[in-house]
Amino acid sequence: MTREQWLQRRSEDPYWRMAKEMGLPSRAAFKLEEVQRRWRVIPEGGRVLDLGAAPGGMTAVASDVVGEKGLVVAVDVEPLKLQRPNVVFIQADVMEHRLVRELQRIVKDGLFDTVVSDLSPHHSGDYDLLILQHADLLSRSREIAYMFLKRRGNMVLKAFEHPALRQFEQETARSFLKFERYIPKSTKKGSSEVFLIFLGFKPKPSERDSGGRLSSHPLGLRV
């Protein structure tokens, strides 16, 4: 597909036009809106970690939900096209070790209520390669979430349909009270995108002391 064809298809997308009319950075906002409406994954006044945030569609929705008393930390290698008092932007690759240090500095002795990931690799046209690259991003998103997610917190991950995805879902679901798969109505026609909704984060039994409390956190943070 040429750039001209891509631009033409985008201009015909009703959700893209709606996002532009509403002043939203991207159509991704409507995907998180749908998930939020259905599962209330983000609490008012809460803290949200948004991975793969640029240009800021989902960040805008999270910012609206948490309100003035909440905080959204957005992470991406590309600049964020959104500036709000309750949004902190970290320009970094999720694979960078410094990201963990930056997050620890920002949240200090607290944790996030919700982790959202809209991460995607650059599409080379090779679908199998795309799946392999995205599997790494999913694993990294989960790793970061396990470090910074509160007990009973929620995680929302964008994925691409593939047989190998089932194993990731099953492994991850064991660390949560509930798991749902969802394809938002605002997803582009013909897309293989699916959103994985993990609700109610629960620490592994090995991480609990005899009183049922979390004995320690990987970063020494309180839960």
C-alpha atoms as a PDB file:
ATOM      1  CA  MET A   1       0.000   0.000   0.000  1.00  0.00           C
ATOM      2  CA  THR A   2       1.373   3.409  -0.967  1.00  0.00           C
ATOM      3  CA  ARG A   3       1.390   6.349   1.458  1.00  0.00           C
ATOM      4  CA  GLU A   4      -1.315   8.016  -0.637  1.00  0.00           C
ATOM      5  CA  GLN A   5      -3.538   4.929  -0.376  1.00  0.00           C
ATOM      6  CA  TRP A   6      -2.921   4.741   3.369  1.00  0.00           C
ATOM      7  CA  LEU A   7      -3.825   8.414   3.833  1.00  0.00           C
ATOM      8  CA  GLN A   8      -6.968   7.957   1.730  1.00  0.00           C
ATOM      9  CA  ARG A   9      -8.058   4.938   3.788  1.00  0.00           C
ATOM     10  CA  ARG A  10      -7.400   6.819   7.019  1.00  0.00           C
ATOM     11  CA  SER A  11      -9.442   9.817   5.881  1.00  0.00           C
ATOM     12  CA  GLU A  12     -12.373   7.464   5.217  1.00  0.00           C
ATOM     13  CA  ASP A  13     -12.165   5.993   8.738  1.00  0.00           C
ATOM     14  CA  PRO A  14     -15.093   7.421  10.807  1.00  0.00           C
ATOM     15  CA  TYR A  15     -13.213   6.955  14.089  1.00  0.00           C
ATOM     16  CA  TRP A  16     -10.173   8.808  12.759  1.00  0.00           C
ATOM     17  CA  ARG A  17     -12.422  11.681  11.652  1.00  0.00           C
ATOM     18  CA  MET A  18     -14.222  11.648  14.991  1.00  0.00           C
ATOM     19  CA  ALA A  19     -10.924  11.772  16.898  1.00  0.00           C
ATOM     20  CA  LYS A  20      -9.793  14.722  14.807  1.00  0.00           C
ATOM     21  CA  GLU A  21     -13.070  16.583  15.338  1.00  0.00           C
ATOM     22  CA  MET A  22     -12.877  15.985  19.113  1.00  0.00           C
ATOM     23  CA  GLY A  23      -9.246  17.088  19.313  1.00  0.00           C
ATOM     24  CA  LEU A  24      -8.036  13.637  20.388  1.00  0.00           C
ATOM     25  CA  PRO A  25      -4.466  12.635  19.455  1.00  0.00           C
ATOM     26  CA  SER A  26      -5.561   9.321  17.900  1.00  0.00           C
ATOM     27  CA  ARG A  27      -8.466   6.930  17.297  1.00  0.00           C
ATOM     28  CA  ALA A  28      -7.013   4.596  19.979  1.00  0.00           C
ATOM     29  CA  ALA A  29      -8.924   6.711  22.491  1.00  0.00           C
ATOM     30  CA  PHE A  30     -12.188   5.048  21.475  1.00  0.00           C
ATOM     31  CA  LYS A  31     -10.775   1.563  22.117  1.00  0.00           C
ATOM     32  CA  LEU A  32      -9.882   2.347  25.721  1.00  0.00           C
ATOM     33  CA  GLU A  33     -13.191   4.186  26.131  1.00  0.00           C
ATOM     34  CA  GLU A  34     -15.049   0.999  25.186  1.00  0.00           C
ATOM     35  CA  VAL A  35     -12.986  -1.120  27.578  1.00  0.00           C
ATOM     36  CA  GLN A  36     -13.459   1.412  30.380  1.00  0.00           C
ATOM     37  CA  ARG A  37     -17.201   1.594  29.825  1.00  0.00           C
ATOM     38  CA  ARG A  38     -17.517  -2.170  30.043  1.00  0.00           C
ATOM     39  CA  TRP A  39     -15.068  -3.092  32.815  1.00  0.00           C
ATOM     40  CA  ARG A  40     -14.176   0.128  34.680  1.00  0.00           C
ATOM     41  CA  VAL A  41     -10.516  -0.815  34.572  1.00  0.00           C
ATOM     42  CA  ILE A  42      -9.400   2.694  35.598  1.00  0.00           C
ATOM     43  CA  PRO A  43     -10.591   4.154  38.924  1.00  0.00           C
ATOM     44  CA  GLU A  44     -11.322   7.837  39.447  1.00  0.00           C
ATOM     45  CA  GLY A  45      -8.360   9.443  41.199  1.00  0.00           C
ATOM     46  CA  GLY A  46      -6.172   6.454  40.362  1.00  0.00           C
ATOM     47  CA  ARG A  47      -2.761   5.983  38.806  1.00  0.00           C
ATOM     48  CA  VAL A  48      -2.347   4.651  35.265  1.00  0.00           C
ATOM     49  CA  LEU A  49       0.767   3.497  33.417  1.00  0.00           C
ATOM     50  CA  ASP A  50       0.311   3.825  29.649  1.00  0.00           C
ATOM     51  CA  LEU A  51       2.926   1.917  27.617  1.00  0.00           C
ATOM     52  CA  GLY A  52       3.224   2.725  23.920  1.00  0.00           C
ATOM     53  CA  ALA A  53       1.288   5.900  24.573  1.00  0.00           C
ATOM     54  CA  ALA A  54       2.142   8.134  21.579  1.00  0.00           C
ATOM     55  CA  PRO A  55       0.528  10.081  20.146  1.00  0.00           C
ATOM     56  CA  GLY A  56      -1.735  10.062  23.218  1.00  0.00           C
ATOM     57  CA  GLY A  57      -5.206   8.757  22.396  1.00  0.00           C
ATOM     58  CA  MET A  58      -5.450   6.334  25.301  1.00  0.00           C
ATOM     59  CA  THR A  59      -3.539   8.727  27.535  1.00  0.00           C
ATOM     60  CA  ALA A  60      -6.253  11.351  26.992  1.00  0.00           C
ATOM     61  CA  VAL A  61      -8.983   8.921  28.045  1.00  0.00           C
ATOM     62  CA  ALA A  62      -7.050   7.764  31.108  1.00  0.00           C
ATOM     63  CA  SER A  63      -6.377  11.390  32.054  1.00  0.00           C
ATOM     64  CA  ASP A  64     -10.091  12.227  31.868  1.00  0.00           C
ATOM     65  CA  VAL A  65     -11.050   9.225  34.002  1.00  0.00           C
ATOM     66  CA  VAL A  66      -8.525   9.692  36.823  1.00  0.00           C
ATOM     67  CA  GLY A  67      -9.203  13.429  37.008  1.00  0.00           C
ATOM     68  CA  GLU A  68      -7.256  16.112  38.827  1.00  0.00           C
ATOM     69  CA  LYS A  69      -6.394  13.871  41.771  1.00  0.00           C
ATOM     70  CA  GLY A  70      -5.075  11.079  39.565  1.00  0.00           C
ATOM     71  CA  LEU A  71      -1.902  10.512  37.576  1.00  0.00           C
ATOM     72  CA  VAL A  72      -1.134   9.047  34.154  1.00  0.00           C
ATOM     73  CA  VAL A  73       2.458   8.130  33.309  1.00  0.00           C
ATOM     74  CA  ALA A  74       2.815   7.782  29.534  1.00  0.00           C
ATOM     75  CA  VAL A  75       5.783   5.972  27.973  1.00  0.00           C
ATOM     76  CA  ASP A  76       6.863   5.923  24.329  1.00  0.00           C
ATOM     77  CA  VAL A  77       9.919   6.395  22.117  1.00  0.00           C
ATOM     78  CA  GLU A  78       7.916   8.912  20.067  1.00  0.00           C
ATOM     79  CA  PRO A  79       6.809  12.313  21.424  1.00  0.00           C
ATOM     80  CA  LEU A  80       3.433  12.602  23.130  1.00  0.00           C
ATOM     81  CA  LYS A  81       1.018  15.038  21.460  1.00  0.00           C
ATOM     82  CA  LEU A  82      -0.741  15.791  24.708  1.00  0.00           C
ATOM     83  CA  GLN A  83       0.045  18.066  27.641  1.00  0.00           C
ATOM     84  CA  ARG A  84      -2.048  17.931  30.792  1.00  0.00           C
ATOM     85  CA  PRO A  85      -1.332  18.622  34.481  1.00  0.00           C
ATOM     86  CA  ASN A  86      -2.047  15.015  35.493  1.00  0.00           C
ATOM     87  CA  VAL A  87       0.104  13.440  32.747  1.00  0.00           C
ATOM     88  CA  VAL A  88       3.836  12.730  33.063  1.00  0.00           C
ATOM     89  CA  PHE A  89       5.646  11.654  29.895  1.00  0.00           C
ATOM     90  CA  ILE A  90       8.746   9.444  29.777  1.00  0.00           C
ATOM     91  CA  GLN A  91      10.372   9.277  26.352  1.00  0.00           C
ATOM     92  CA  ALA A  92      11.968   5.839  26.425  1.00  0.00           C
ATOM     93  CA  ASP A  93      11.936   2.385  24.887  1.00  0.00           C
ATOM     94  CA  VAL A  94      10.129  -0.091  27.156  1.00  0.00           C
ATOM     95  CA  MET A  95      13.139  -2.406  26.843  1.00  0.00           C
ATOM     96  CA  GLU A  96      15.488   0.172  28.383  1.00  0.00           C
ATOM     97  CA  HIS A  97      16.619  -0.584  31.941  1.00  0.00           C
ATOM     98  CA  ARG A  98      16.424   3.107  32.821  1.00  0.00           C
ATOM     99  CA  LEU A  99      12.644   3.021  32.388  1.00  0.00           C
ATOM    100  CA  VAL A 100      12.252   0.999  35.583  1.00  0.00           C
ATOM    101  CA  ARG A 101      14.361   3.533  37.469  1.00  0.00           C
ATOM    102  CA  GLU A 102      12.327   6.420  36.015  1.00  0.00           C
ATOM    103  CA  LEU A 103       9.044   4.788  37.015  1.00  0.00           C
ATOM    104  CA  GLN A 104      10.331   4.099  40.510  1.00  0.00           C
ATOM    105  CA  ARG A 105      11.372   7.744  40.832  1.00  0.00           C
ATOM    106  CA  ILE A 106       7.954   9.007  39.745  1.00  0.00           C
ATOM    107  CA  VAL A 107       5.708   6.705  41.782  1.00  0.00           C
ATOM    108  CA  LYS A 108       8.119   6.635  44.753  1.00  0.00           C
ATOM    109  CA  ASP A 109       6.472   4.422  47.389  1.00  0.00           C
ATOM    110  CA  GLY A 110       3.226   3.929  45.472  1.00  0.00           C
ATOM    111  CA  LEU A 111       2.023   1.701  42.644  1.00  0.00           C
ATOM    112  CA  PHE A 112      -0.354   1.855  39.669  1.00  0.00           C
ATOM    113  CA  ASP A 113      -4.025   0.906  39.692  1.00  0.00           C
ATOM    114  CA  THR A 114      -3.957   0.121  35.992  1.00  0.00           C
ATOM    115  CA  VAL A 115      -1.386  -0.721  33.332  1.00  0.00           C
ATOM    116  CA  VAL A 116      -2.402  -0.197  29.698  1.00  0.00           C
ATOM    117  CA  SER A 117      -0.273  -1.216  26.724  1.00  0.00           C
ATOM    118  CA  ASP A 118      -0.886  -0.240  23.101  1.00  0.00           C
ATOM    119  CA  LEU A 119       2.629  -1.234  22.067  1.00  0.00           C
ATOM    120  CA  SER A 120       3.201  -2.366  18.483  1.00  0.00           C
ATOM    121  CA  PRO A 121       6.359  -3.141  16.517  1.00  0.00           C
ATOM    122  CA  HIS A 122       6.973  -1.393  13.207  1.00  0.00           C
ATOM    123  CA  HIS A 123       5.026  -3.349  10.602  1.00  0.00           C
ATOM    124  CA  SER A 124       7.432  -4.710   7.984  1.00  0.00           C
ATOM    125  CA  GLY A 125       4.740  -6.591   6.071  1.00  0.00           C
ATOM    126  CA  ASP A 126       5.947  -9.926   7.461  1.00  0.00           C
ATOM    127  CA  TYR A 127       3.119 -11.071   9.761  1.00  0.00           C
ATOM    128  CA  ASP A 128       5.103 -13.882  11.402  1.00  0.00           C
ATOM    129  CA  LEU A 129       7.894 -11.454  12.235  1.00  0.00           C
ATOM    130  CA  LEU A 130       5.320  -8.986  13.577  1.00  0.00           C
ATOM    131  CA  ILE A 131       3.954 -11.668  15.924  1.00  0.00           C
ATOM    132  CA  LEU A 132       7.415 -12.586  17.218  1.00  0.00           C
ATOM    133  CA  GLN A 133       8.295  -8.938  17.864  1.00  0.00           C
ATOM    134  CA  HIS A 134       4.967  -8.255  19.521  1.00  0.00           C
ATOM    135  CA  ALA A 135       5.355 -11.322  21.752  1.00  0.00           C
ATOM    136  CA  ASP A 136       8.476  -9.667  23.178  1.00  0.00           C
ATOM    137  CA  LEU A 137       6.528  -6.459  23.789  1.00  0.00           C
ATOM    138  CA  LEU A 138       3.718  -8.359  25.522  1.00  0.00           C
ATOM    139  CA  SER A 139       6.192 -10.129  27.788  1.00  0.00           C
ATOM    140  CA  ARG A 140       7.913  -6.856  28.625  1.00  0.00           C
ATOM    141  CA  SER A 141       4.566  -5.141  29.348  1.00  0.00           C
ATOM    142  CA  ARG A 142       3.647  -7.964  31.712  1.00  0.00           C
ATOM    143  CA  GLU A 143       7.047  -7.813  33.385  1.00  0.00           C
ATOM    144  CA  ILE A 144       6.712  -4.085  34.037  1.00  0.00           C
ATOM    145  CA  ALA A 145       3.119  -4.499  35.213  1.00  0.00           C
ATOM    146  CA  TYR A 146       4.120  -7.169  37.728  1.00  0.00           C
ATOM    147  CA  MET A 147       6.690  -4.739  39.144  1.00  0.00           C
ATOM    148  CA  PHE A 148       4.384  -1.742  39.444  1.00  0.00           C
ATOM    149  CA  LEU A 149       0.784  -2.963  39.641  1.00  0.00           C
ATOM    150  CA  LYS A 150      -1.176  -2.790  42.871  1.00  0.00           C
ATOM    151  CA  ARG A 151      -2.830  -5.824  44.357  1.00  0.00           C
ATOM    152  CA  ARG A 152      -6.275  -6.088  42.687  1.00  0.00           C
ATOM    153  CA  GLY A 153      -5.037  -3.779  39.916  1.00  0.00           C
ATOM    154  CA  ASN A 154      -5.963  -4.218  36.246  1.00  0.00           C
ATOM    155  CA  MET A 155      -3.969  -4.702  33.057  1.00  0.00           C
ATOM    156  CA  VAL A 156      -5.122  -4.054  29.479  1.00  0.00           C
ATOM    157  CA  LEU A 157      -2.878  -5.265  26.651  1.00  0.00           C
ATOM    158  CA  LYS A 158      -3.297  -4.933  22.908  1.00  0.00           C
ATOM    159  CA  ALA A 159      -2.328  -8.128  21.086  1.00  0.00           C
ATOM    160  CA  PHE A 160      -2.600  -9.687  17.643  1.00  0.00           C
ATOM    161  CA  GLU A 161      -4.491 -12.921  17.078  1.00  0.00           C
ATOM    162  CA  HIS A 162      -2.129 -15.886  16.757  1.00  0.00           C
ATOM    163  CA  PRO A 163      -2.142 -19.487  18.083  1.00  0.00           C
ATOM    164  CA  ALA A 164       0.867 -18.714  20.286  1.00  0.00           C
ATOM    165  CA  LEU A 165      -1.129 -16.005  22.067  1.00  0.00           C
ATOM    166  CA  ARG A 166      -3.180 -18.598  23.960  1.00  0.00           C
ATOM    167  CA  GLN A 167      -0.213 -19.723  26.042  1.00  0.00           C
ATOM    168  CA  PHE A 168       0.563 -16.136  27.055  1.00  0.00           C
ATOM    169  CA  GLU A 169      -3.074 -15.603  28.033  1.00  0.00           C
ATOM    170  CA  GLN A 170      -3.201 -18.750  30.151  1.00  0.00           C
ATOM    171  CA  GLU A 171       0.081 -18.006  31.915  1.00  0.00           C
ATOM    172  CA  THR A 172      -0.888 -14.412  32.648  1.00  0.00           C
ATOM    173  CA  ALA A 173      -4.464 -15.171  33.702  1.00  0.00           C
ATOM    174  CA  ARG A 174      -3.130 -17.211  36.624  1.00  0.00           C
ATOM    175  CA  SER A 175      -1.931 -13.972  38.205  1.00  0.00           C
ATOM    176  CA  PHE A 176      -5.370 -12.314  38.000  1.00  0.00           C
ATOM    177  CA  LEU A 177      -8.842 -12.986  39.313  1.00  0.00           C
ATOM    178  CA  LYS A 178     -10.509 -12.632  35.926  1.00  0.00           C
ATOM    179  CA  PHE A 179      -9.537 -12.596  32.254  1.00  0.00           C
ATOM    180  CA  GLU A 180     -11.507 -11.380  29.227  1.00  0.00           C
ATOM    181  CA  ARG A 181     -10.771 -11.013  25.506  1.00  0.00           C
ATOM    182  CA  TYR A 182     -12.357  -8.114  23.662  1.00  0.00           C
ATOM    183  CA  ILE A 183     -12.370  -6.651  20.168  1.00  0.00           C
ATOM    184  CA  PRO A 184     -13.528  -3.022  20.372  1.00  0.00           C
ATOM    185  CA  LYS A 185     -16.075  -1.844  17.823  1.00  0.00           C
ATOM    186  CA  SER A 186     -13.635   0.931  16.941  1.00  0.00           C
ATOM    187  CA  THR A 187     -11.016  -1.601  15.763  1.00  0.00           C
ATOM    188  CA  LYS A 188     -10.215  -1.237  12.070  1.00  0.00           C
ATOM    189  CA  LYS A 189     -12.044  -3.643   9.789  1.00  0.00           C
ATOM    190  CA  GLY A 190      -9.863  -6.616   8.900  1.00  0.00           C
ATOM    191  CA  SER A 191      -7.463  -6.017  11.792  1.00  0.00           C
ATOM    192  CA  SER A 192      -6.232  -8.970  13.874  1.00  0.00           C
ATOM    193  CA  GLU A 193      -6.095  -6.812  17.012  1.00  0.00           C
ATOM    194  CA  VAL A 194      -7.593  -8.115  20.220  1.00  0.00           C
ATOM    195  CA  PHE A 195      -7.493  -6.583  23.687  1.00  0.00           C
ATOM    196  CA  LEU A 196      -6.606  -8.769  26.652  1.00  0.00           C
ATOM    197  CA  ILE A 197      -8.325  -7.596  29.839  1.00  0.00           C
ATOM    198  CA  PHE A 198      -6.790  -8.895  33.081  1.00  0.00           C
ATOM    199  CA  LEU A 199      -8.724  -7.900  36.210  1.00  0.00           C
ATOM    200  CA  GLY A 200      -7.702  -8.170  39.859  1.00  0.00           C
ATOM    201  CA  PHE A 201      -3.937  -8.683  40.056  1.00  0.00           C
ATOM    202  CA  LYS A 202      -2.971 -11.230  42.702  1.00  0.00           C
ATOM    203  CA  PRO A 203       0.600 -11.887  43.882  1.00  0.00           C
ATOM    204  CA  LYS A 204       2.001 -15.365  43.590  1.00  0.00           C
ATOM    205  CA  PRO A 205       1.695 -17.487  46.777  1.00  0.00           C
ATOM    206  CA  SER A 206       5.484 -17.608  47.042  1.00  0.00           C
ATOM    207  CA  GLU A 207       5.535 -13.822  47.468  1.00  0.00           C
ATOM    208  CA  ARG A 208       3.250 -13.875  50.518  1.00  0.00           C
ATOM    209  CA  ASP A 209       4.170 -14.273  54.143  1.00  0.00           C
ATOM    210  CA  SER A 210       2.351 -16.544  56.594  1.00  0.00           C
ATOM    211  CA  GLY A 211      -0.186 -13.796  57.301  1.00  0.00           C
ATOM    212  CA  GLY A 212      -1.238 -13.594  53.653  1.00  0.00           C
ATOM    213  CA  ARG A 213       0.451 -10.228  53.110  1.00  0.00           C
ATOM    214  CA  LEU A 214       2.811  -9.465  50.271  1.00  0.00           C
ATOM    215  CA  SER A 215       6.189 -10.115  51.886  1.00  0.00           C
ATOM    216  CA  SER A 216       8.219  -7.990  49.481  1.00  0.00           C
ATOM    217  CA  HIS A 217       8.061  -6.112  46.196  1.00  0.00           C
ATOM    218  CA  PRO A 218      10.708  -6.327  43.451  1.00  0.00           C
ATOM    219  CA  LEU A 219      11.422  -2.613  43.873  1.00  0.00           C
ATOM    220  CA  GLY A 220      10.785  -2.355  47.586  1.00  0.00           C
ATOM    221  CA  LEU A 221       7.522  -0.490  46.968  1.00  0.00           C
ATOM    222  CA  ARG A 222       4.423  -0.639  49.156  1.00  0.00           C
ATOM    223  CA  VAL A 223       1.279  -2.366  47.902  1.00  0.00           C
END
